[in-house]
Amino acid sequence: MKVVQIMRKPNGIVFSIEQLFEDIRKGLPDDIDVEAYVNPYSSQGMWRRLAGMIRVIWHQGDVNHITGDVHFPEYFPSAK
């Protein structure tokens, strides 16, 4: 099973959720393929959010776990 954790672009100010999910990735069983997809755009402004929503279409797994404040990719359903 492939799990993709969709994460916000790091901003250097807040990072606790990233550390939490890094620990979760390390603790998952070996039969779970987990990827951390980091949104390359900040979640500020309509165009950056739209670009992030489009890019996430190509980074999908069997399970897509949206973390932190990047909730906007959920508006485009999985292409699978």
PDB file of N, CA and C in Angstrom:
ATOM      1  N   MET A   1       0.852  -1.169   0.000  1.00  0.00           N
ATOM      2  CA  MET A   1       0.000   0.000   0.000  1.00  0.00           C
ATOM      3  C   MET A   1       0.899   1.233   0.000  1.00  0.00           C
ATOM      4  N   LYS A   2       0.509   2.200  -0.814  1.00  0.00           N
ATOM      5  CA  LYS A   2       1.259   3.453  -0.858  1.00  0.00           C
ATOM      6  C   LYS A   2       0.465   4.552  -0.165  1.00  0.00           C
ATOM      7  N   VAL A   3       1.105   5.193   0.798  1.00  0.00           N
ATOM      8  CA  VAL A   3       0.519   6.310   1.535  1.00  0.00           C
ATOM      9  C   VAL A   3       1.313   7.564   1.187  1.00  0.00           C
ATOM     10  N   VAL A   4       0.598   8.616   0.817  1.00  0.00           N
ATOM     11  CA  VAL A   4       1.245   9.892   0.538  1.00  0.00           C
ATOM     12  C   VAL A   4       0.781  10.895   1.588  1.00  0.00           C
ATOM     13  N   GLN A   5       1.737  11.467   2.286  1.00  0.00           N
ATOM     14  CA  GLN A   5       1.441  12.538   3.242  1.00  0.00           C
ATOM     15  C   GLN A   5       1.684  13.860   2.525  1.00  0.00           C
ATOM     16  N   ILE A   6       0.625  14.617   2.310  1.00  0.00           N
ATOM     17  CA  ILE A   6       0.707  15.886   1.602  1.00  0.00           C
ATOM     18  C   ILE A   6       0.965  16.975   2.637  1.00  0.00           C
ATOM     19  N   MET A   7       2.130  17.622   2.513  1.00  0.00           N
ATOM     20  CA  MET A   7       2.582  18.543   3.540  1.00  0.00           C
ATOM     21  C   MET A   7       2.699  19.965   2.986  1.00  0.00           C
ATOM     22  N   ARG A   8       2.620  20.928   3.871  1.00  0.00           N
ATOM     23  CA  ARG A   8       2.759  22.327   3.483  1.00  0.00           C
ATOM     24  C   ARG A   8       4.207  22.645   3.151  1.00  0.00           C
ATOM     25  N   LYS A   9       4.388  23.728   2.425  1.00  0.00           N
ATOM     26  CA  LYS A   9       5.732  24.218   2.140  1.00  0.00           C
ATOM     27  C   LYS A   9       6.331  24.741   3.440  1.00  0.00           C
ATOM     28  N   PRO A  10       7.548  24.325   3.788  1.00  0.00           N
ATOM     29  CA  PRO A  10       8.158  24.823   5.016  1.00  0.00           C
ATOM     30  C   PRO A  10       8.328  26.344   4.968  1.00  0.00           C
ATOM     31  N   ASN A  11       8.066  26.973   6.108  1.00  0.00           N
ATOM     32  CA  ASN A  11       8.211  28.430   6.148  1.00  0.00           C
ATOM     33  C   ASN A  11       9.246  28.886   7.168  1.00  0.00           C
ATOM     34  N   GLY A  12       9.854  27.952   7.885  1.00  0.00           N
ATOM     35  CA  GLY A  12      10.900  28.311   8.829  1.00  0.00           C
ATOM     36  C   GLY A  12      10.406  28.834  10.160  1.00  0.00           C
ATOM     37  N   ILE A  13       9.102  29.017  10.299  1.00  0.00           N
ATOM     38  CA  ILE A  13       8.543  29.542  11.555  1.00  0.00           C
ATOM     39  C   ILE A  13       7.851  28.430  12.337  1.00  0.00           C
ATOM     40  N   VAL A  14       6.975  27.712  11.667  1.00  0.00           N
ATOM     41  CA  VAL A  14       6.260  26.607  12.316  1.00  0.00           C
ATOM     42  C   VAL A  14       6.689  25.302  11.660  1.00  0.00           C
ATOM     43  N   PHE A  15       6.901  24.270  12.470  1.00  0.00           N
ATOM     44  CA  PHE A  15       7.409  23.017  11.925  1.00  0.00           C
ATOM     45  C   PHE A  15       7.002  21.797  12.744  1.00  0.00           C
ATOM     46  N   SER A  16       6.178  21.968  13.764  1.00  0.00           N
ATOM     47  CA  SER A  16       5.853  20.847  14.650  1.00  0.00           C
ATOM     48  C   SER A  16       5.123  19.727  13.925  1.00  0.00           C
ATOM     49  N   ILE A  17       4.220  20.042  12.997  1.00  0.00           N
ATOM     50  CA  ILE A  17       3.465  19.002  12.310  1.00  0.00           C
ATOM     51  C   ILE A  17       4.391  18.201  11.390  1.00  0.00           C
ATOM     52  N   GLU A  18       5.375  18.853  10.797  1.00  0.00           N
ATOM     53  CA  GLU A  18       6.319  18.149   9.944  1.00  0.00           C
ATOM     54  C   GLU A  18       7.126  17.133  10.752  1.00  0.00           C
ATOM     55  N   GLN A  19       7.564  17.521  11.936  1.00  0.00           N
ATOM     56  CA  GLN A  19       8.324  16.607  12.784  1.00  0.00           C
ATOM     57  C   GLN A  19       7.465  15.426  13.225  1.00  0.00           C
ATOM     58  N   LEU A  20       6.228  15.688  13.566  1.00  0.00           N
ATOM     59  CA  LEU A  20       5.312  14.617  13.965  1.00  0.00           C
ATOM     60  C   LEU A  20       5.161  13.589  12.847  1.00  0.00           C
ATOM     61  N   PHE A  21       4.912  14.041  11.627  1.00  0.00           N
ATOM     62  CA  PHE A  21       4.701  13.108  10.527  1.00  0.00           C
ATOM     63  C   PHE A  21       5.987  12.433  10.083  1.00  0.00           C
ATOM     64  N   GLU A  22       7.132  13.059  10.303  1.00  0.00           N
ATOM     65  CA  GLU A  22       8.397  12.366  10.051  1.00  0.00           C
ATOM     66  C   GLU A  22       8.538  11.188  11.006  1.00  0.00           C
ATOM     67  N   ASP A  23       8.187  11.390  12.263  1.00  0.00           N
ATOM     68  CA  ASP A  23       8.227  10.301  13.246  1.00  0.00           C
ATOM     69  C   ASP A  23       7.240   9.198  12.885  1.00  0.00           C
ATOM     70  N   ILE A  24       6.071   9.573  12.398  1.00  0.00           N
ATOM     71  CA  ILE A  24       5.069   8.575  11.991  1.00  0.00           C
ATOM     72  C   ILE A  24       5.601   7.752  10.822  1.00  0.00           C
ATOM     73  N   ARG A  25       6.206   8.407   9.826  1.00  0.00           N
ATOM     74  CA  ARG A  25       6.771   7.682   8.682  1.00  0.00           C
ATOM     75  C   ARG A  25       7.814   6.664   9.139  1.00  0.00           C
ATOM     76  N   LYS A  26       8.651   7.047  10.073  1.00  0.00           N
ATOM     77  CA  LYS A  26       9.689   6.138  10.576  1.00  0.00           C
ATOM     78  C   LYS A  26       9.094   4.942  11.307  1.00  0.00           C
ATOM     79  N   GLY A  27       7.920   5.120  11.914  1.00  0.00           N
ATOM     80  CA  GLY A  27       7.324   4.058  12.711  1.00  0.00           C
ATOM     81  C   GLY A  27       6.385   3.131  11.960  1.00  0.00           C
ATOM     82  N   LEU A  28       6.126   3.409  10.699  1.00  0.00           N
ATOM     83  CA  LEU A  28       5.205   2.561   9.930  1.00  0.00           C
ATOM     84  C   LEU A  28       5.866   1.242   9.553  1.00  0.00           C
ATOM     85  N   PRO A  29       5.075   0.182   9.414  1.00  0.00           N
ATOM     86  CA  PRO A  29       5.636  -1.116   9.007  1.00  0.00           C
ATOM     87  C   PRO A  29       6.276  -1.040   7.620  1.00  0.00           C
ATOM     88  N   ASP A  30       7.187  -1.973   7.347  1.00  0.00           N
ATOM     89  CA  ASP A  30       7.917  -1.980   6.085  1.00  0.00           C
ATOM     90  C   ASP A  30       7.033  -2.235   4.875  1.00  0.00           C
ATOM     91  N   ASP A  31       5.880  -2.855   5.064  1.00  0.00           N
ATOM     92  CA  ASP A  31       5.016  -3.153   3.918  1.00  0.00           C
ATOM     93  C   ASP A  31       4.181  -1.949   3.478  1.00  0.00           C
ATOM     94  N   ILE A  32       4.327  -0.824   4.172  1.00  0.00           N
ATOM     95  CA  ILE A  32       3.642   0.410   3.783  1.00  0.00           C
ATOM     96  C   ILE A  32       4.674   1.339   3.165  1.00  0.00           C
ATOM     97  N   ASP A  33       4.463   1.634   1.890  1.00  0.00           N
ATOM     98  CA  ASP A  33       5.328   2.564   1.172  1.00  0.00           C
ATOM     99  C   ASP A  33       4.788   3.964   1.436  1.00  0.00           C
ATOM    100  N   VAL A  34       5.540   4.776   2.151  1.00  0.00           N
ATOM    101  CA  VAL A  34       5.062   6.105   2.524  1.00  0.00           C
ATOM    102  C   VAL A  34       5.944   7.175   1.890  1.00  0.00           C
ATOM    103  N   GLU A  35       5.295   8.187   1.359  1.00  0.00           N
ATOM    104  CA  GLU A  35       6.000   9.304   0.719  1.00  0.00           C
ATOM    105  C   GLU A  35       5.504  10.601   1.330  1.00  0.00           C
ATOM    106  N   ALA A  36       6.424  11.508   1.582  1.00  0.00           N
ATOM    107  CA  ALA A  36       6.053  12.852   2.027  1.00  0.00           C
ATOM    108  C   ALA A  36       6.133  13.760   0.811  1.00  0.00           C
ATOM    109  N   TYR A  37       4.979  14.204   0.337  1.00  0.00           N
ATOM    110  CA  TYR A  37       4.946  15.150  -0.774  1.00  0.00           C
ATOM    111  C   TYR A  37       4.823  16.540  -0.175  1.00  0.00           C
ATOM    112  N   VAL A  38       5.816  17.388  -0.438  1.00  0.00           N
ATOM    113  CA  VAL A  38       5.822  18.746   0.095  1.00  0.00           C
ATOM    114  C   VAL A  38       5.335  19.693  -0.994  1.00  0.00           C
ATOM    115  N   ASN A  39       4.269  20.406  -0.698  1.00  0.00           N
ATOM    116  CA  ASN A  39       3.723  21.376  -1.635  1.00  0.00           C
ATOM    117  C   ASN A  39       4.786  22.439  -1.911  1.00  0.00           C
ATOM    118  N   PRO A  40       5.106  22.710  -3.178  1.00  0.00           N
ATOM    119  CA  PRO A  40       6.153  23.688  -3.470  1.00  0.00           C
ATOM    120  C   PRO A  40       5.697  25.137  -3.341  1.00  0.00           C
ATOM    121  N   TYR A  41       4.413  25.348  -3.090  1.00  0.00           N
ATOM    122  CA  TYR A  41       3.871  26.703  -3.001  1.00  0.00           C
ATOM    123  C   TYR A  41       3.334  26.971  -1.602  1.00  0.00           C
ATOM    124  N   SER A  42       3.478  28.187  -1.139  1.00  0.00           N
ATOM    125  CA  SER A  42       2.885  28.543   0.153  1.00  0.00           C
ATOM    126  C   SER A  42       1.374  28.615  -0.002  1.00  0.00           C
ATOM    127  N   SER A  43       0.676  28.476   1.093  1.00  0.00           N
ATOM    128  CA  SER A  43      -0.793  28.474   1.035  1.00  0.00           C
ATOM    129  C   SER A  43      -1.334  29.888   1.226  1.00  0.00           C
ATOM    130  N   GLN A  44      -0.787  30.804   0.474  1.00  0.00           N
ATOM    131  CA  GLN A  44      -1.227  32.195   0.508  1.00  0.00           C
ATOM    132  C   GLN A  44      -1.569  32.628  -0.908  1.00  0.00           C
ATOM    133  N   GLY A  45      -2.771  33.085  -1.083  1.00  0.00           N
ATOM    134  CA  GLY A  45      -3.201  33.560  -2.389  1.00  0.00           C
ATOM    135  C   GLY A  45      -3.872  32.485  -3.218  1.00  0.00           C
ATOM    136  N   MET A  46      -4.805  32.909  -4.036  1.00  0.00           N
ATOM    137  CA  MET A  46      -5.601  31.978  -4.832  1.00  0.00           C
ATOM    138  C   MET A  46      -4.751  31.233  -5.862  1.00  0.00           C
ATOM    139  N   TRP A  47      -3.848  31.904  -6.570  1.00  0.00           N
ATOM    140  CA  TRP A  47      -3.089  31.268  -7.642  1.00  0.00           C
ATOM    141  C   TRP A  47      -2.112  30.240  -7.100  1.00  0.00           C
ATOM    142  N   ARG A  48      -1.482  30.517  -5.985  1.00  0.00           N
ATOM    143  CA  ARG A  48      -0.566  29.530  -5.383  1.00  0.00           C
ATOM    144  C   ARG A  48      -1.331  28.302  -4.909  1.00  0.00           C
ATOM    145  N   ARG A  49      -2.477  28.523  -4.328  1.00  0.00           N
ATOM    146  CA  ARG A  49      -3.298  27.391  -3.896  1.00  0.00           C
ATOM    147  C   ARG A  49      -3.761  26.562  -5.092  1.00  0.00           C
ATOM    148  N   LEU A  50      -4.189  27.217  -6.149  1.00  0.00           N
ATOM    149  CA  LEU A  50      -4.634  26.510  -7.350  1.00  0.00           C
ATOM    150  C   LEU A  50      -3.483  25.701  -7.951  1.00  0.00           C
ATOM    151  N   ALA A  51      -2.305  26.285  -8.035  1.00  0.00           N
ATOM    152  CA  ALA A  51      -1.142  25.562  -8.554  1.00  0.00           C
ATOM    153  C   ALA A  51      -0.829  24.356  -7.683  1.00  0.00           C
ATOM    154  N   GLY A  52      -0.924  24.501  -6.372  1.00  0.00           N
ATOM    155  CA  GLY A  52      -0.697  23.382  -5.460  1.00  0.00           C
ATOM    156  C   GLY A  52      -1.734  22.287  -5.631  1.00  0.00           C
ATOM    157  N   MET A  53      -2.985  22.672  -5.872  1.00  0.00           N
ATOM    158  CA  MET A  53      -4.052  21.687  -6.079  1.00  0.00           C
ATOM    159  C   MET A  53      -3.799  20.899  -7.358  1.00  0.00           C
ATOM    160  N   ILE A  54      -3.346  21.561  -8.396  1.00  0.00           N
ATOM    161  CA  ILE A  54      -3.088  20.871  -9.661  1.00  0.00           C
ATOM    162  C   ILE A  54      -1.900  19.927  -9.533  1.00  0.00           C
ATOM    163  N   ARG A  55      -0.827  20.389  -8.923  1.00  0.00           N
ATOM    164  CA  ARG A  55       0.379  19.552  -8.795  1.00  0.00           C
ATOM    165  C   ARG A  55       0.136  18.291  -7.979  1.00  0.00           C
ATOM    166  N   VAL A  56      -0.725  18.367  -6.998  1.00  0.00           N
ATOM    167  CA  VAL A  56      -0.931  17.204  -6.130  1.00  0.00           C
ATOM    168  C   VAL A  56      -1.624  16.057  -6.879  1.00  0.00           C
ATOM    169  N   ILE A  57      -2.248  16.358  -8.016  1.00  0.00           N
ATOM    170  CA  ILE A  57      -2.884  15.307  -8.817  1.00  0.00           C
ATOM    171  C   ILE A  57      -1.871  14.237  -9.204  1.00  0.00           C
ATOM    172  N   TRP A  58      -0.623  14.629  -9.474  1.00  0.00           N
ATOM    173  CA  TRP A  58       0.415  13.694  -9.901  1.00  0.00           C
ATOM    174  C   TRP A  58       1.158  13.064  -8.725  1.00  0.00           C
ATOM    175  N   HIS A  59       0.745  13.350  -7.525  1.00  0.00           N
ATOM    176  CA  HIS A  59       1.391  12.789  -6.326  1.00  0.00           C
ATOM    177  C   HIS A  59       0.327  12.143  -5.458  1.00  0.00           C
ATOM    178  N   GLN A  60      -0.229  11.054  -5.935  1.00  0.00           N
ATOM    179  CA  GLN A  60      -1.312  10.373  -5.240  1.00  0.00           C
ATOM    180  C   GLN A  60      -0.869   8.964  -4.867  1.00  0.00           C
ATOM    181  N   GLY A  61      -1.437   8.466  -3.799  1.00  0.00           N
ATOM    182  CA  GLY A  61      -1.201   7.099  -3.386  1.00  0.00           C
ATOM    183  C   GLY A  61      -2.521   6.385  -3.212  1.00  0.00           C
ATOM    184  N   ASP A  62      -2.471   5.206  -2.612  1.00  0.00           N
ATOM    185  CA  ASP A  62      -3.699   4.491  -2.272  1.00  0.00           C
ATOM    186  C   ASP A  62      -4.432   5.231  -1.160  1.00  0.00           C
ATOM    187  N   VAL A  63      -3.641   5.820  -0.270  1.00  0.00           N
ATOM    188  CA  VAL A  63      -4.166   6.662   0.808  1.00  0.00           C
ATOM    189  C   VAL A  63      -3.445   7.995   0.717  1.00  0.00           C
ATOM    190  N   ASN A  64      -4.207   9.086   0.666  1.00  0.00           N
ATOM    191  CA  ASN A  64      -3.642  10.432   0.630  1.00  0.00           C
ATOM    192  C   ASN A  64      -4.007  11.130   1.935  1.00  0.00           C
ATOM    193  N   HIS A  65      -2.991  11.436   2.718  1.00  0.00           N
ATOM    194  CA  HIS A  65      -3.210  12.044   4.030  1.00  0.00           C
ATOM    195  C   HIS A  65      -2.756  13.494   3.964  1.00  0.00           C
ATOM    196  N   ILE A  66      -3.710  14.393   3.992  1.00  0.00           N
ATOM    197  CA  ILE A  66      -3.402  15.821   3.961  1.00  0.00           C
ATOM    198  C   ILE A  66      -3.085  16.273   5.381  1.00  0.00           C
ATOM    199  N   THR A  67      -1.914  16.891   5.552  1.00  0.00           N
ATOM    200  CA  THR A  67      -1.463  17.295   6.877  1.00  0.00           C
ATOM    201  C   THR A  67      -1.365  18.814   6.954  1.00  0.00           C
ATOM    202  N   GLY A  68      -1.448  19.347   8.127  1.00  0.00           N
ATOM    203  CA  GLY A  68      -1.242  20.779   8.329  1.00  0.00           C
ATOM    204  C   GLY A  68      -2.292  21.643   7.645  1.00  0.00           C
ATOM    205  N   ASP A  69      -1.861  22.793   7.170  1.00  0.00           N
ATOM    206  CA  ASP A  69      -2.813  23.756   6.619  1.00  0.00           C
ATOM    207  C   ASP A  69      -2.999  23.638   5.113  1.00  0.00           C
ATOM    208  N   VAL A  70      -2.527  22.570   4.490  1.00  0.00           N
ATOM    209  CA  VAL A  70      -2.679  22.424   3.040  1.00  0.00           C
ATOM    210  C   VAL A  70      -3.943  21.628   2.704  1.00  0.00           C
ATOM    211  N   HIS A  71      -5.035  22.012   3.300  1.00  0.00           N
ATOM    212  CA  HIS A  71      -6.297  21.300   3.107  1.00  0.00           C
ATOM    213  C   HIS A  71      -6.880  21.491   1.715  1.00  0.00           C
ATOM    214  N   PHE A  72      -6.462  22.503   0.974  1.00  0.00           N
ATOM    215  CA  PHE A  72      -7.065  22.817  -0.319  1.00  0.00           C
ATOM    216  C   PHE A  72      -6.860  21.750  -1.391  1.00  0.00           C
ATOM    217  N   PRO A  73      -5.812  20.872  -1.365  1.00  0.00           N
ATOM    218  CA  PRO A  73      -5.720  19.845  -2.420  1.00  0.00           C
ATOM    219  C   PRO A  73      -6.885  18.857  -2.424  1.00  0.00           C
ATOM    220  N   GLU A  74      -7.629  18.779  -1.350  1.00  0.00           N
ATOM    221  CA  GLU A  74      -8.744  17.825  -1.310  1.00  0.00           C
ATOM    222  C   GLU A  74      -9.848  18.177  -2.301  1.00  0.00           C
ATOM    223  N   TYR A  75      -9.815  19.363  -2.859  1.00  0.00           N
ATOM    224  CA  TYR A  75     -10.854  19.751  -3.808  1.00  0.00           C
ATOM    225  C   TYR A  75     -10.714  19.052  -5.143  1.00  0.00           C
ATOM    226  N   PHE A  76      -9.525  18.530  -5.451  1.00  0.00           N
ATOM    227  CA  PHE A  76      -9.333  17.734  -6.655  1.00  0.00           C
ATOM    228  C   PHE A  76      -9.246  16.273  -6.219  1.00  0.00           C
ATOM    229  N   PRO A  77     -10.227  15.484  -6.605  1.00  0.00           N
ATOM    230  CA  PRO A  77     -10.222  14.069  -6.182  1.00  0.00           C
ATOM    231  C   PRO A  77      -9.063  13.303  -6.810  1.00  0.00           C
ATOM    232  N   SER A  78      -8.776  12.171  -6.241  1.00  0.00           N
ATOM    233  CA  SER A  78      -7.716  11.321  -6.743  1.00  0.00           C
ATOM    234  C   SER A  78      -7.998  10.938  -8.190  1.00  0.00           C
ATOM    235  N   ALA A  79      -6.950  10.935  -8.985  1.00  0.00           N
ATOM    236  CA  ALA A  79      -7.082  10.573 -10.396  1.00  0.00           C
ATOM    237  C   ALA A  79      -7.095   9.074 -10.601  1.00  0.00           C
ATOM    238  N   LYS A  80      -6.932   8.303  -9.538  1.00  0.00           N
ATOM    239  CA  LYS A  80      -6.899   6.827  -9.655  1.00  0.00           C
ATOM    240  C   LYS A  80      -8.292   6.273  -9.748  1.00  0.00           C
TER     241      LYS A  80
END
